[in-house]
């Protein structure tokens, strides 16, 4: 039986991922105001107009069943700090992509960011029974590529001239994946990283 990829709230100690709604627009606009977030994205969400277009497109894809968009919320404050999505959904083949992931720079390299990744991947593998979770990024974005490798994902190759960026540049996309047999080690790695982040932040 194919898994049902339906809206769900995923909650941890530091963060929760909840289904994107139009009511989140103001929070996302505030969280996404840094132009640095959007340098490697096909759309600039640093303006209210740009964020509105992103949210509208995500909600339309969610309604069509082609994507499952989430907002990332800090548990302690209920503050919206970013967003992520399941996309390229292929339940018949037990495969999906985690993408359109961004976070307020204030929360990068923190327990919030690490736990968000752990929740998203954990639901895909442990609840939905996926055998493969994919990631892609601009081949020129070395920071993102290193971060994906840091999760424990495996590099699979470059899709040449894969996307058209806002300025018309032809983007090559670097593809990565984690498969189900690798997930236990990746999960343990992320859990250990989360403990380190939590200990460090708790001592500040």
N, C-alpha and C. Protein backbone atom coordinates (compact mmCIF):
# COMPACT_ATOMS: atom_id res chain seq x y z
N UNK A 1 0.84 -1.20 0.00
CA UNK A 1 0.00 0.00 0.00
C UNK A 1 0.88 1.25 0.00
N UNK A 2 0.51 2.22 -0.83
CA UNK A 2 1.26 3.48 -0.87
C UNK A 2 1.02 4.27 0.41
N UNK A 3 2.07 4.91 0.94
CA UNK A 3 1.87 5.77 2.12
C UNK A 3 1.05 7.00 1.75
N UNK A 4 0.27 7.49 2.69
CA UNK A 4 -0.51 8.70 2.50
C UNK A 4 0.30 9.88 3.04
N UNK A 5 0.71 10.76 2.14
CA UNK A 5 1.52 11.91 2.52
C UNK A 5 0.57 13.07 2.76
N UNK A 6 0.15 13.23 4.00
CA UNK A 6 -0.88 14.19 4.37
C UNK A 6 -0.34 15.22 5.34
N UNK A 7 -0.98 16.40 5.42
CA UNK A 7 -0.53 17.42 6.38
C UNK A 7 -0.48 16.88 7.80
N UNK A 8 0.58 17.24 8.50
CA UNK A 8 0.80 16.75 9.86
C UNK A 8 1.69 17.75 10.59
N UNK A 9 1.53 17.85 11.90
CA UNK A 9 2.42 18.66 12.72
C UNK A 9 3.45 17.76 13.38
N UNK A 10 4.72 18.13 13.24
CA UNK A 10 5.83 17.35 13.79
C UNK A 10 6.48 18.19 14.87
N UNK A 11 6.44 17.71 16.11
CA UNK A 11 6.90 18.51 17.24
C UNK A 11 8.08 17.87 17.93
N UNK A 12 9.07 18.71 18.25
CA UNK A 12 10.22 18.28 19.03
C UNK A 12 10.35 19.15 20.26
N UNK A 13 11.50 19.13 20.90
CA UNK A 13 11.73 19.93 22.11
C UNK A 13 11.98 21.40 21.78
N UNK A 14 12.62 21.66 20.65
CA UNK A 14 13.03 23.02 20.30
C UNK A 14 12.19 23.63 19.19
N UNK A 15 11.61 22.80 18.36
CA UNK A 15 10.97 23.31 17.15
C UNK A 15 9.80 22.40 16.79
N UNK A 16 8.88 22.95 16.04
CA UNK A 16 7.85 22.12 15.43
C UNK A 16 7.68 22.54 13.98
N UNK A 17 7.35 21.57 13.17
CA UNK A 17 7.00 21.80 11.77
C UNK A 17 5.49 21.64 11.67
N UNK A 18 4.81 22.70 11.25
CA UNK A 18 3.36 22.62 11.13
C UNK A 18 2.94 23.00 9.73
N UNK A 19 1.78 22.51 9.27
CA UNK A 19 1.37 22.77 7.89
C UNK A 19 1.27 24.27 7.61
N UNK A 20 1.82 24.68 6.49
CA UNK A 20 1.79 26.08 6.08
C UNK A 20 0.36 26.54 5.87
N UNK A 21 0.04 27.74 6.36
CA UNK A 21 -1.26 28.37 6.15
C UNK A 21 -1.03 29.84 5.84
N UNK A 22 -2.03 30.48 5.24
CA UNK A 22 -1.88 31.89 4.88
C UNK A 22 -1.65 32.74 6.12
N UNK A 23 -2.11 32.28 7.27
CA UNK A 23 -1.92 33.02 8.52
C UNK A 23 -0.44 33.12 8.91
N UNK A 24 0.40 32.29 8.33
CA UNK A 24 1.83 32.33 8.64
C UNK A 24 2.59 33.39 7.82
N UNK A 25 1.90 34.06 6.89
CA UNK A 25 2.61 34.94 5.97
C UNK A 25 3.39 36.03 6.68
N UNK A 26 2.79 36.68 7.66
CA UNK A 26 3.49 37.77 8.35
C UNK A 26 4.75 37.26 9.04
N UNK A 27 4.66 36.13 9.71
CA UNK A 27 5.82 35.57 10.38
C UNK A 27 6.91 35.16 9.41
N UNK A 28 6.52 34.58 8.29
CA UNK A 28 7.50 34.19 7.27
C UNK A 28 8.16 35.41 6.65
N UNK A 29 7.38 36.47 6.43
CA UNK A 29 7.94 37.71 5.87
C UNK A 29 9.01 38.28 6.79
N UNK A 30 8.75 38.26 8.09
CA UNK A 30 9.75 38.76 9.05
C UNK A 30 10.97 37.86 9.10
N UNK A 31 10.76 36.55 9.10
CA UNK A 31 11.89 35.61 9.19
C UNK A 31 12.74 35.61 7.93
N UNK A 32 12.13 35.90 6.78
CA UNK A 32 12.84 35.79 5.51
C UNK A 32 13.35 37.09 4.95
N UNK A 33 13.47 38.11 5.78
CA UNK A 33 13.80 39.44 5.26
C UNK A 33 15.25 39.60 4.83
N UNK A 34 16.13 38.67 5.22
CA UNK A 34 17.54 38.79 4.85
C UNK A 34 17.76 38.35 3.40
N UNK A 35 18.28 39.23 2.53
CA UNK A 35 18.52 38.83 1.13
C UNK A 35 19.48 37.66 1.00
N UNK A 36 20.35 37.47 2.00
CA UNK A 36 21.32 36.37 1.93
C UNK A 36 20.64 35.01 1.86
N UNK A 37 19.45 34.89 2.45
CA UNK A 37 18.73 33.61 2.42
C UNK A 37 18.44 33.18 0.98
N UNK A 38 18.18 34.16 0.12
CA UNK A 38 17.60 33.89 -1.20
C UNK A 38 18.60 33.92 -2.33
N UNK A 39 19.87 34.08 -2.00
CA UNK A 39 20.89 34.21 -3.05
C UNK A 39 20.85 33.04 -4.02
N UNK A 40 20.62 31.83 -3.51
CA UNK A 40 20.69 30.64 -4.34
C UNK A 40 19.30 30.08 -4.69
N UNK A 41 18.26 30.81 -4.35
CA UNK A 41 16.90 30.37 -4.62
C UNK A 41 16.40 30.95 -5.94
N UNK A 42 15.46 30.27 -6.60
CA UNK A 42 14.94 30.81 -7.87
C UNK A 42 14.02 32.01 -7.69
N UNK A 43 13.54 32.26 -6.47
CA UNK A 43 12.67 33.39 -6.18
C UNK A 43 13.22 34.12 -4.96
N UNK A 44 13.15 35.46 -4.97
CA UNK A 44 13.62 36.27 -3.85
C UNK A 44 12.45 36.50 -2.89
N UNK A 45 12.57 35.95 -1.68
CA UNK A 45 11.52 36.12 -0.68
C UNK A 45 11.84 37.17 0.36
N UNK A 46 12.81 38.03 0.10
CA UNK A 46 13.22 39.01 1.11
C UNK A 46 12.28 40.21 1.20
N UNK A 47 11.37 40.34 0.24
CA UNK A 47 10.38 41.43 0.25
C UNK A 47 9.01 40.85 0.57
N UNK A 48 8.09 41.65 1.09
CA UNK A 48 6.73 41.15 1.33
C UNK A 48 6.08 40.59 0.07
N UNK A 49 6.31 41.24 -1.07
CA UNK A 49 5.71 40.76 -2.31
C UNK A 49 6.29 39.42 -2.72
N UNK A 50 7.61 39.28 -2.59
CA UNK A 50 8.25 38.02 -2.94
C UNK A 50 7.80 36.88 -2.04
N UNK A 51 7.71 37.14 -0.73
CA UNK A 51 7.27 36.10 0.19
C UNK A 51 5.82 35.72 -0.10
N UNK A 52 4.99 36.69 -0.43
CA UNK A 52 3.59 36.38 -0.75
C UNK A 52 3.51 35.44 -1.94
N UNK A 53 4.35 35.67 -2.95
CA UNK A 53 4.35 34.79 -4.13
C UNK A 53 4.79 33.37 -3.75
N UNK A 54 5.80 33.28 -2.90
CA UNK A 54 6.29 31.96 -2.47
C UNK A 54 5.21 31.21 -1.70
N UNK A 55 4.57 31.90 -0.76
CA UNK A 55 3.53 31.26 0.05
C UNK A 55 2.35 30.85 -0.81
N UNK A 56 1.93 31.71 -1.71
CA UNK A 56 0.80 31.38 -2.59
C UNK A 56 1.10 30.15 -3.43
N UNK A 57 2.31 30.07 -3.97
CA UNK A 57 2.70 28.92 -4.79
C UNK A 57 2.76 27.65 -3.95
N UNK A 58 3.27 27.77 -2.72
CA UNK A 58 3.35 26.60 -1.85
C UNK A 58 1.97 26.10 -1.45
N UNK A 59 1.07 27.03 -1.15
CA UNK A 59 -0.29 26.63 -0.78
C UNK A 59 -1.00 25.98 -1.97
N UNK A 60 -0.77 26.52 -3.17
CA UNK A 60 -1.39 25.92 -4.36
C UNK A 60 -0.86 24.51 -4.59
N UNK A 61 0.44 24.31 -4.42
CA UNK A 61 1.02 22.98 -4.58
C UNK A 61 0.51 22.03 -3.51
N UNK A 62 0.33 22.55 -2.29
CA UNK A 62 -0.22 21.72 -1.23
C UNK A 62 -1.65 21.30 -1.53
N UNK A 63 -2.45 22.24 -2.03
CA UNK A 63 -3.84 21.93 -2.36
C UNK A 63 -3.92 20.92 -3.50
N UNK A 64 -2.95 20.98 -4.41
CA UNK A 64 -2.93 20.05 -5.55
C UNK A 64 -2.38 18.68 -5.17
N UNK A 65 -1.78 18.59 -3.99
CA UNK A 65 -1.22 17.33 -3.54
C UNK A 65 0.13 17.01 -4.11
N UNK A 66 0.80 17.99 -4.71
CA UNK A 66 2.12 17.75 -5.30
C UNK A 66 3.25 18.09 -4.34
N UNK A 67 2.96 18.86 -3.28
CA UNK A 67 3.95 19.20 -2.29
C UNK A 67 3.28 19.23 -0.92
N UNK A 68 4.09 19.16 0.14
CA UNK A 68 3.58 19.29 1.51
C UNK A 68 4.44 20.34 2.21
N UNK A 69 3.97 21.60 2.24
CA UNK A 69 4.78 22.68 2.82
C UNK A 69 4.57 22.82 4.32
N UNK A 70 5.66 23.11 5.03
CA UNK A 70 5.64 23.32 6.47
C UNK A 70 6.20 24.70 6.80
N UNK A 71 5.79 25.22 7.95
CA UNK A 71 6.52 26.34 8.56
C UNK A 71 7.31 25.78 9.74
N UNK A 72 8.46 26.38 9.99
CA UNK A 72 9.31 26.00 11.11
C UNK A 72 9.09 27.00 12.23
N UNK A 73 8.67 26.50 13.40
CA UNK A 73 8.29 27.36 14.52
C UNK A 73 9.13 27.02 15.74
N UNK A 74 9.73 28.03 16.35
CA UNK A 74 10.47 27.82 17.59
C UNK A 74 9.48 27.51 18.71
N UNK A 75 9.66 26.38 19.39
CA UNK A 75 8.70 25.96 20.40
C UNK A 75 8.60 26.95 21.56
N UNK A 76 9.73 27.46 22.03
CA UNK A 76 9.74 28.28 23.25
C UNK A 76 8.99 29.59 23.08
N UNK A 77 8.96 30.12 21.85
CA UNK A 77 8.40 31.45 21.62
C UNK A 77 7.22 31.47 20.65
N UNK A 78 6.94 30.35 19.99
CA UNK A 78 5.94 30.29 18.92
C UNK A 78 6.30 31.21 17.76
N UNK A 79 7.57 31.51 17.61
CA UNK A 79 8.03 32.39 16.54
C UNK A 79 8.28 31.59 15.27
N UNK A 80 7.74 32.05 14.15
CA UNK A 80 8.03 31.44 12.86
C UNK A 80 9.45 31.81 12.46
N UNK A 81 10.28 30.80 12.17
CA UNK A 81 11.68 31.07 11.87
C UNK A 81 12.11 30.56 10.50
N UNK A 82 11.22 29.92 9.76
CA UNK A 82 11.60 29.43 8.43
C UNK A 82 10.54 28.52 7.85
N UNK A 83 10.95 27.77 6.85
CA UNK A 83 10.02 26.90 6.15
C UNK A 83 10.78 25.76 5.49
N UNK A 84 10.06 24.69 5.20
CA UNK A 84 10.60 23.56 4.45
C UNK A 84 9.44 22.85 3.78
N UNK A 85 9.73 21.94 2.85
CA UNK A 85 8.66 21.22 2.16
C UNK A 85 9.08 19.80 1.84
N UNK A 86 8.09 18.92 1.75
CA UNK A 86 8.23 17.68 1.02
C UNK A 86 7.78 17.99 -0.41
N UNK A 87 8.57 17.61 -1.37
CA UNK A 87 8.21 17.80 -2.77
C UNK A 87 8.72 16.63 -3.59
N UNK A 88 8.50 16.68 -4.91
CA UNK A 88 8.84 15.55 -5.78
C UNK A 88 8.29 14.26 -5.18
N UNK A 89 7.04 14.32 -4.75
CA UNK A 89 6.43 13.19 -4.05
C UNK A 89 6.23 12.02 -5.00
N UNK A 90 6.74 10.87 -4.61
CA UNK A 90 6.60 9.64 -5.40
C UNK A 90 6.28 8.50 -4.46
N UNK A 91 5.08 8.52 -3.83
CA UNK A 91 4.77 7.50 -2.83
C UNK A 91 4.78 6.08 -3.38
N UNK A 92 4.42 5.91 -4.65
CA UNK A 92 4.43 4.55 -5.23
C UNK A 92 5.84 3.97 -5.24
N UNK A 93 6.84 4.85 -5.30
CA UNK A 93 8.23 4.42 -5.31
C UNK A 93 8.93 4.68 -3.98
N UNK A 94 8.13 5.05 -2.97
CA UNK A 94 8.65 5.28 -1.61
C UNK A 94 9.81 6.28 -1.60
N UNK A 95 9.54 7.42 -2.27
CA UNK A 95 10.59 8.42 -2.45
C UNK A 95 9.97 9.82 -2.35
N UNK A 96 10.71 10.74 -1.73
CA UNK A 96 10.33 12.14 -1.74
C UNK A 96 11.58 12.99 -1.58
N UNK A 97 11.42 14.28 -1.84
CA UNK A 97 12.51 15.24 -1.68
C UNK A 97 12.17 16.19 -0.53
N UNK A 98 13.16 16.56 0.24
CA UNK A 98 13.03 17.65 1.20
C UNK A 98 13.74 18.86 0.62
N UNK A 99 12.99 19.93 0.42
CA UNK A 99 13.57 21.10 -0.22
C UNK A 99 12.83 22.38 0.12
N UNK A 100 13.18 23.45 -0.60
CA UNK A 100 12.67 24.78 -0.29
C UNK A 100 12.88 25.08 1.21
N UNK A 101 14.01 24.58 1.72
CA UNK A 101 14.30 24.74 3.14
C UNK A 101 15.10 26.02 3.37
N UNK A 102 14.59 26.88 4.22
CA UNK A 102 15.33 28.08 4.60
C UNK A 102 14.99 28.43 6.05
N UNK A 103 15.88 29.18 6.68
CA UNK A 103 15.69 29.54 8.08
C UNK A 103 16.31 30.90 8.32
N UNK A 104 15.70 31.66 9.21
CA UNK A 104 16.25 32.93 9.63
C UNK A 104 17.72 32.73 10.02
N UNK A 105 18.65 33.55 9.50
CA UNK A 105 20.07 33.35 9.81
C UNK A 105 20.37 33.28 11.30
N UNK A 106 19.54 33.89 12.13
CA UNK A 106 19.73 33.83 13.58
C UNK A 106 19.68 32.40 14.12
N UNK A 107 18.98 31.52 13.39
CA UNK A 107 18.77 30.15 13.87
C UNK A 107 19.58 29.11 13.11
N UNK A 108 20.42 29.56 12.18
CA UNK A 108 21.28 28.62 11.48
C UNK A 108 22.33 28.09 12.45
N UNK A 109 22.68 26.81 12.28
CA UNK A 109 23.68 26.13 13.13
C UNK A 109 23.26 26.13 14.60
N UNK A 110 21.97 25.96 14.85
CA UNK A 110 21.45 25.89 16.22
C UNK A 110 20.66 24.60 16.39
N UNK A 111 20.20 24.37 17.64
CA UNK A 111 19.36 23.20 17.92
C UNK A 111 18.07 23.26 17.11
N UNK A 112 17.54 24.46 16.88
CA UNK A 112 16.31 24.61 16.11
C UNK A 112 16.49 24.05 14.70
N UNK A 113 17.58 24.43 14.06
CA UNK A 113 17.83 23.99 12.69
C UNK A 113 18.07 22.48 12.63
N UNK A 114 18.88 21.97 13.56
CA UNK A 114 19.18 20.54 13.57
C UNK A 114 17.93 19.71 13.82
N UNK A 115 17.11 20.12 14.80
CA UNK A 115 15.92 19.34 15.12
C UNK A 115 14.91 19.39 13.98
N UNK A 116 14.82 20.50 13.26
CA UNK A 116 13.92 20.58 12.11
C UNK A 116 14.28 19.53 11.06
N UNK A 117 15.57 19.37 10.80
CA UNK A 117 16.01 18.35 9.85
C UNK A 117 15.70 16.94 10.36
N UNK A 118 15.92 16.73 11.65
CA UNK A 118 15.65 15.44 12.26
C UNK A 118 14.16 15.09 12.18
N UNK A 119 13.30 16.06 12.43
CA UNK A 119 11.86 15.82 12.37
C UNK A 119 11.40 15.50 10.95
N UNK A 120 11.87 16.29 9.99
CA UNK A 120 11.44 16.07 8.62
C UNK A 120 11.88 14.73 8.06
N UNK A 121 13.13 14.38 8.29
CA UNK A 121 13.63 13.11 7.81
C UNK A 121 13.03 11.95 8.59
N UNK A 122 12.87 12.15 9.91
CA UNK A 122 12.30 11.08 10.73
C UNK A 122 10.89 10.72 10.32
N UNK A 123 10.07 11.72 10.03
CA UNK A 123 8.70 11.43 9.59
C UNK A 123 8.70 10.70 8.25
N UNK A 124 9.57 11.13 7.36
CA UNK A 124 9.63 10.51 6.03
C UNK A 124 9.99 9.03 6.14
N UNK A 125 11.03 8.71 6.90
CA UNK A 125 11.48 7.32 6.99
C UNK A 125 10.65 6.50 7.97
N UNK A 126 10.42 7.03 9.17
CA UNK A 126 9.85 6.22 10.24
C UNK A 126 8.33 6.13 10.19
N UNK A 127 7.66 7.20 9.78
CA UNK A 127 6.20 7.19 9.73
C UNK A 127 5.67 6.85 8.34
N UNK A 128 6.27 7.43 7.31
CA UNK A 128 5.79 7.22 5.95
C UNK A 128 6.41 5.99 5.28
N UNK A 129 7.51 5.51 5.83
CA UNK A 129 8.14 4.32 5.27
C UNK A 129 8.89 4.57 3.97
N UNK A 130 9.38 5.80 3.78
CA UNK A 130 10.15 6.09 2.57
C UNK A 130 11.45 5.29 2.55
N UNK A 131 11.87 4.93 1.37
CA UNK A 131 13.17 4.26 1.20
C UNK A 131 14.25 5.22 0.73
N UNK A 132 13.83 6.41 0.31
CA UNK A 132 14.79 7.36 -0.25
C UNK A 132 14.28 8.78 0.02
N UNK A 133 15.16 9.62 0.55
CA UNK A 133 14.88 11.04 0.72
C UNK A 133 15.95 11.80 -0.04
N UNK A 134 15.52 12.69 -0.93
CA UNK A 134 16.43 13.42 -1.80
C UNK A 134 16.61 14.87 -1.34
N UNK A 135 17.75 15.43 -1.71
CA UNK A 135 18.04 16.84 -1.49
C UNK A 135 18.72 17.36 -2.76
N UNK A 136 18.47 18.62 -3.08
CA UNK A 136 19.22 19.23 -4.18
C UNK A 136 19.52 20.68 -3.82
N UNK A 137 20.57 21.22 -4.43
CA UNK A 137 20.95 22.60 -4.21
C UNK A 137 21.71 23.10 -5.42
N UNK A 138 21.84 24.41 -5.51
CA UNK A 138 22.63 25.01 -6.58
C UNK A 138 24.06 24.47 -6.49
N UNK A 139 24.58 24.02 -7.61
CA UNK A 139 25.93 23.45 -7.61
C UNK A 139 26.98 24.46 -7.19
N UNK A 140 26.68 25.75 -7.30
CA UNK A 140 27.63 26.79 -6.90
C UNK A 140 27.57 27.10 -5.40
N UNK A 141 26.55 26.58 -4.72
CA UNK A 141 26.35 26.92 -3.32
C UNK A 141 27.13 25.95 -2.43
N UNK A 142 28.39 26.27 -2.20
CA UNK A 142 29.27 25.38 -1.45
C UNK A 142 28.81 25.21 0.00
N UNK A 143 28.28 26.27 0.61
CA UNK A 143 27.83 26.17 1.99
C UNK A 143 26.70 25.15 2.11
N UNK A 144 25.73 25.24 1.21
CA UNK A 144 24.61 24.30 1.24
C UNK A 144 25.08 22.88 0.94
N UNK A 145 25.96 22.74 -0.03
CA UNK A 145 26.45 21.40 -0.38
C UNK A 145 27.17 20.76 0.80
N UNK A 146 27.99 21.55 1.50
CA UNK A 146 28.69 21.01 2.67
C UNK A 146 27.71 20.67 3.79
N UNK A 147 26.66 21.48 3.94
CA UNK A 147 25.67 21.22 4.98
C UNK A 147 24.91 19.93 4.70
N UNK A 148 24.59 19.67 3.44
CA UNK A 148 23.87 18.44 3.09
C UNK A 148 24.77 17.23 3.33
N UNK A 149 26.02 17.34 2.95
CA UNK A 149 26.96 16.26 3.23
C UNK A 149 27.09 16.05 4.74
N UNK A 150 27.03 17.17 5.50
CA UNK A 150 27.13 17.09 6.95
C UNK A 150 25.97 16.34 7.60
N UNK A 151 24.85 16.27 6.89
CA UNK A 151 23.73 15.48 7.39
C UNK A 151 24.01 13.99 7.30
N UNK A 152 24.92 13.63 6.41
CA UNK A 152 25.17 12.22 6.13
C UNK A 152 24.62 11.77 4.78
N UNK A 153 24.13 12.73 3.98
CA UNK A 153 23.62 12.40 2.65
C UNK A 153 24.77 12.09 1.70
N UNK A 154 24.47 11.32 0.67
CA UNK A 154 25.47 10.93 -0.33
C UNK A 154 25.28 11.76 -1.60
N UNK A 155 26.39 12.29 -2.13
CA UNK A 155 26.36 13.04 -3.39
C UNK A 155 26.14 12.08 -4.55
N UNK A 156 25.23 12.44 -5.44
CA UNK A 156 24.88 11.55 -6.55
C UNK A 156 25.20 12.12 -7.93
N UNK A 157 25.43 13.42 -8.02
CA UNK A 157 25.78 13.96 -9.33
C UNK A 157 25.17 15.33 -9.58
N UNK A 158 25.45 15.86 -10.75
CA UNK A 158 25.01 17.20 -11.16
C UNK A 158 24.00 17.08 -12.30
N UNK A 159 22.85 17.74 -12.11
CA UNK A 159 21.88 17.90 -13.20
C UNK A 159 22.21 19.23 -13.87
N UNK A 160 22.72 19.17 -15.09
CA UNK A 160 23.19 20.37 -15.78
C UNK A 160 22.02 21.18 -16.34
N UNK A 161 22.14 22.52 -16.22
CA UNK A 161 21.10 23.45 -16.69
C UNK A 161 19.72 22.98 -16.24
N UNK A 162 19.64 22.73 -14.96
CA UNK A 162 18.45 22.11 -14.38
C UNK A 162 17.33 23.11 -14.10
N UNK A 163 17.70 24.35 -13.76
CA UNK A 163 16.70 25.36 -13.40
C UNK A 163 17.11 26.71 -13.97
N UNK A 164 16.11 27.59 -14.11
CA UNK A 164 16.36 28.97 -14.54
C UNK A 164 16.18 29.87 -13.33
N UNK A 165 17.22 30.61 -12.98
CA UNK A 165 17.17 31.49 -11.82
C UNK A 165 16.49 32.80 -12.18
N UNK A 166 16.21 33.61 -11.14
CA UNK A 166 15.44 34.84 -11.34
C UNK A 166 16.09 35.76 -12.38
N UNK A 167 17.42 35.83 -12.40
CA UNK A 167 18.09 36.69 -13.36
C UNK A 167 18.33 36.06 -14.71
N UNK A 168 17.86 34.82 -14.89
CA UNK A 168 18.01 34.14 -16.17
C UNK A 168 19.16 33.16 -16.22
N UNK A 169 19.97 33.09 -15.14
CA UNK A 169 21.10 32.16 -15.14
C UNK A 169 20.62 30.71 -15.18
N UNK A 170 21.31 29.90 -15.97
CA UNK A 170 21.02 28.46 -16.01
C UNK A 170 21.72 27.81 -14.82
N UNK A 171 20.93 27.28 -13.90
CA UNK A 171 21.48 26.68 -12.69
C UNK A 171 21.71 25.19 -12.88
N UNK A 172 22.92 24.75 -12.54
CA UNK A 172 23.20 23.33 -12.37
C UNK A 172 22.82 22.95 -10.95
N UNK A 173 22.16 21.81 -10.76
CA UNK A 173 21.74 21.37 -9.43
C UNK A 173 22.54 20.15 -9.00
N UNK A 174 23.05 20.20 -7.77
CA UNK A 174 23.75 19.06 -7.18
C UNK A 174 22.72 18.23 -6.41
N UNK A 175 22.70 16.92 -6.66
CA UNK A 175 21.73 16.02 -6.04
C UNK A 175 22.39 15.12 -5.00
N UNK A 176 21.64 14.88 -3.91
CA UNK A 176 22.09 14.06 -2.80
C UNK A 176 20.91 13.20 -2.33
N UNK A 177 21.22 12.14 -1.59
CA UNK A 177 20.14 11.34 -1.02
C UNK A 177 20.60 10.64 0.25
N UNK A 178 19.61 10.28 1.06
CA UNK A 178 19.76 9.34 2.16
C UNK A 178 18.78 8.22 1.89
N UNK A 179 19.21 6.95 2.01
CA UNK A 179 18.30 5.83 1.81
C UNK A 179 18.02 5.16 3.15
N UNK A 180 17.00 4.32 3.14
CA UNK A 180 16.50 3.77 4.41
C UNK A 180 17.57 2.99 5.19
N UNK A 181 18.44 2.30 4.50
CA UNK A 181 19.47 1.52 5.21
C UNK A 181 20.51 2.43 5.87
N UNK A 182 20.64 3.66 5.39
CA UNK A 182 21.57 4.63 5.97
C UNK A 182 20.93 5.44 7.10
N UNK A 183 19.60 5.47 7.12
CA UNK A 183 18.90 6.34 8.04
C UNK A 183 19.26 6.11 9.51
N UNK A 184 19.38 4.89 10.02
CA UNK A 184 19.73 4.75 11.44
C UNK A 184 21.02 5.47 11.83
N UNK A 185 22.03 5.39 10.98
CA UNK A 185 23.29 6.09 11.28
C UNK A 185 23.12 7.60 11.15
N UNK A 186 22.38 8.04 10.14
CA UNK A 186 22.15 9.48 9.96
C UNK A 186 21.34 10.02 11.14
N UNK A 187 20.33 9.28 11.57
CA UNK A 187 19.52 9.71 12.71
C UNK A 187 20.37 9.84 13.97
N UNK A 188 21.22 8.86 14.23
CA UNK A 188 22.09 8.90 15.41
C UNK A 188 23.04 10.10 15.34
N UNK A 189 23.54 10.37 14.15
CA UNK A 189 24.43 11.52 13.94
C UNK A 189 23.71 12.82 14.25
N UNK A 190 22.48 12.98 13.76
CA UNK A 190 21.72 14.20 14.00
C UNK A 190 21.32 14.32 15.46
N UNK A 191 20.97 13.21 16.10
CA UNK A 191 20.63 13.25 17.51
C UNK A 191 21.82 13.68 18.36
N UNK A 192 23.01 13.20 18.01
CA UNK A 192 24.21 13.60 18.74
C UNK A 192 24.51 15.08 18.52
N UNK A 193 24.31 15.54 17.30
CA UNK A 193 24.52 16.96 17.01
C UNK A 193 23.52 17.82 17.79
N UNK A 194 22.28 17.35 17.89
CA UNK A 194 21.25 18.08 18.62
C UNK A 194 21.63 18.20 20.10
N UNK A 195 22.16 17.12 20.68
CA UNK A 195 22.59 17.16 22.08
C UNK A 195 23.72 18.19 22.26
N UNK A 196 24.66 18.20 21.32
CA UNK A 196 25.77 19.16 21.41
C UNK A 196 25.25 20.60 21.34
N UNK A 197 24.36 20.86 20.38
CA UNK A 197 23.79 22.21 20.25
C UNK A 197 23.04 22.60 21.51
N UNK A 198 22.24 21.67 22.03
CA UNK A 198 21.42 21.96 23.21
C UNK A 198 22.30 22.27 24.42
N UNK A 199 23.37 21.50 24.58
CA UNK A 199 24.28 21.72 25.70
C UNK A 199 24.99 23.06 25.58
N UNK A 200 25.42 23.38 24.38
CA UNK A 200 26.12 24.64 24.16
C UNK A 200 25.21 25.83 24.40
N UNK A 201 23.98 25.76 23.86
CA UNK A 201 23.06 26.87 24.01
C UNK A 201 22.57 27.01 25.44
N UNK A 202 22.46 25.87 26.15
CA UNK A 202 22.02 25.92 27.52
C UNK A 202 23.04 26.53 28.46
N UNK A 203 24.32 26.55 28.02
CA UNK A 203 25.38 27.09 28.87
C UNK A 203 25.61 28.58 28.64
N UNK A 204 24.92 29.15 27.66
CA UNK A 204 25.15 30.57 27.36
C UNK A 204 24.54 31.47 28.44
